[in-house]
Amino acid sequence: MVAGLSLLRLGYAGAFGVAAVCCVIAALRARRINHCDTRRGLVGLLVISSGWALVQGLRLLAPWRELRVGLVYLGLIVGLASVGAWLYFCSVYTGRSYHRNPVYRRLALGVFLTISTVKITNPIHGLYLSVKPLAEPFPHVGITPSPLHWGVAGLAYVLAAIGFYMLFQLFNGTRYDTTRLGVLVSLAGVPAIATIVGYAGLGPFIQMDYEPIGVAVFAIGTLYFAEDTFQSVRHHGRIQVLDDLDEPVLLLDATDRLRDYNAAAEMLFPAVPRSLLGTQLNDLVPEVASAIEGDQQTIERTINEETRYFTVTDETVSLGPHEIGRTLIFAEVTEIERHRKELARREEQLDDFAEALTHELRNAVTIVEGHLSLAKTALDNDQPSTVRERFETVQSTTERMNRVITDLSTLAQHGGLVTKTATCDLGDVMDSIRTQRKLSELTISVGRNGTIEADRPRLTRLFIQALKFASKNNATLVRVALIENGFVIEDDGESVPADRTDSLFDYGEAVPDAERGGILPTVQTLARVHGWTVSVDTAYEDGLRYRITDVTVKRERTHSADGSL
């Protein structure tokens, strides 16, 4: 019987000894935590809990009654200190700042010193508890708690419960799987039940503080079996302000799988539901994956039918020596990107202007010089009719140069990027052109099946240039109609060989010829300032048909798929 009781005593002491050793081992492991405050808080909690467990074990093994009683009081003080360490750890781990608040720190220190003083002086006043020797189930020191003791214990449990609340609130708010972590945190509080049962004399447990065992289980479990989740959730708690940021943020793990994102990113990537968390980034938003892997760090997104641009900043997330993921932060640069594109377009346009002017001026000068020389020869030979023909050619050449200058002036006036648009009915625009210009040689057909968003003066200029080309292209009929994402302009004039259509919209190429070569490039420029694209339908053989796409069509009716009327 005595041997059995001795084994039970050794079992109790051994449990506390193992808890003390586990807390020390976990404290050494906790030194790997990268975040300074979390590391300090957890190491402090484990060191104090290790000391508390050691005191409890020595209390059971101490050979003298006086030493056992002294260890009882020491255990009460160390146990109270562990409550402060627990709250400090919970505050830093969940991303709160209570541990930094000077009022709370002074209040905590004052409460600790006051209660510790009451405990230490208990042998004098006896108001906190009374100590008595117990023989069952083996010789040890028992305690008879006073109402003051129960009040202090109640306060300690309430404070500890606040820490548990902070942790479980964090677990509930994160999008990580925190099941194992929640179980381990719960195990940290289970031994408190044994403590209460033991002091109340309602169960098989002797009067001891069993909480260090729970802390040891929690520490070993989190740092050795759930470390990744523990570290990741701590990181989430530290950056839980993400949802308050305007910038979209994506969180990736070490294998580039999407693990989390904030509310702003949810607006930027509405096609990525939370059910797809854990999927490779390249499978969800390949343009982002391409941006962070390539030299171009800007992505284009359409939000509420508006094209917007974002730069991507890629930051590595490390825990100690290990990379555990990446943070992608998106900063909107729509205005900057638009200005950049506008400057590039303007630069291209200036190059086109220079090329067109150089080409036209050289042609004109060559023609004028040649015909003036021929006119001089004809004049010397007394050939007035020939002189007249040469001068008429010179006059037509200078008139064409005037038209070229007028066209380039139009581009200079209307070549800036469109910033404001209005709803335009194609039929109304064409009607206004009819009333302003004589177009008796052309029949104009407009499919009145919708409206588009455009800058009306520039759109008007675009159609004027298109009609001008049709007139010079020997057309008698021009048809305009909406298609799904833009509109089509076609005429029944001369067709252009398929191998030359790529040059139709290039300045200086003189396609189809010098007379018509500078018109369609102006059409393209007036389309580009809207952000539209111009392309030739090479399958059309009854004249010339070209599509203007990337247009916002506000209303639409049935039409043929190829854009014919």
Foldseek 3Di string as FASTA:
>chain_A
DVVVLVVVLVVLLVLLQVLLVLLVVLLVLLVLFPDVQLNVLSNVLSNLLSVLSNLQSCLSVPPDPVSNVVSVLVSVLSVLVSLVSLLSNLCLLLQHCLNVDPVSVVVSVVVSVVVSVCSVCCVPVVQAWDWDWDPPPHTGIAIQGHPNNVVVVVVSVVSNVVSLVSVVVLVVPFQDPCVQLNVLVVLLCVQVVVQVCQNVVNDDHHNDRPNSSSSSSSSCCCSPPVVVVSSVSSVCSSVVCQQVDLWKKFWAWPQQFTADIHPNVCQQQVVDDPVRGRHHPCVRPVVCVCLVVDPNQKDWGQHPNDIWIWGWDWAFDDRRPGTTTIMIIIDTDRVVVVVVVQVVLVVVVVVLVVLQCVLLVVVLVVLLVVLVVVLVVCVVVVNVVSNVVSVVSNVVSVVLVVVVVVLVVVCVVQLAADDAWDKDFPVVLVVVVVVVDPDVQAAEAEDRFFIFIGHSVLVSVLVVLVSVLCVVQVFHYWYWYADDFFIKIWTQGQAFQPVCQVQQLGRNPQVVHVSNRPRNVSSQSSLVSHVWHKDWDNVDHRGTMITIGNIGIDGGDDDDNVRDD
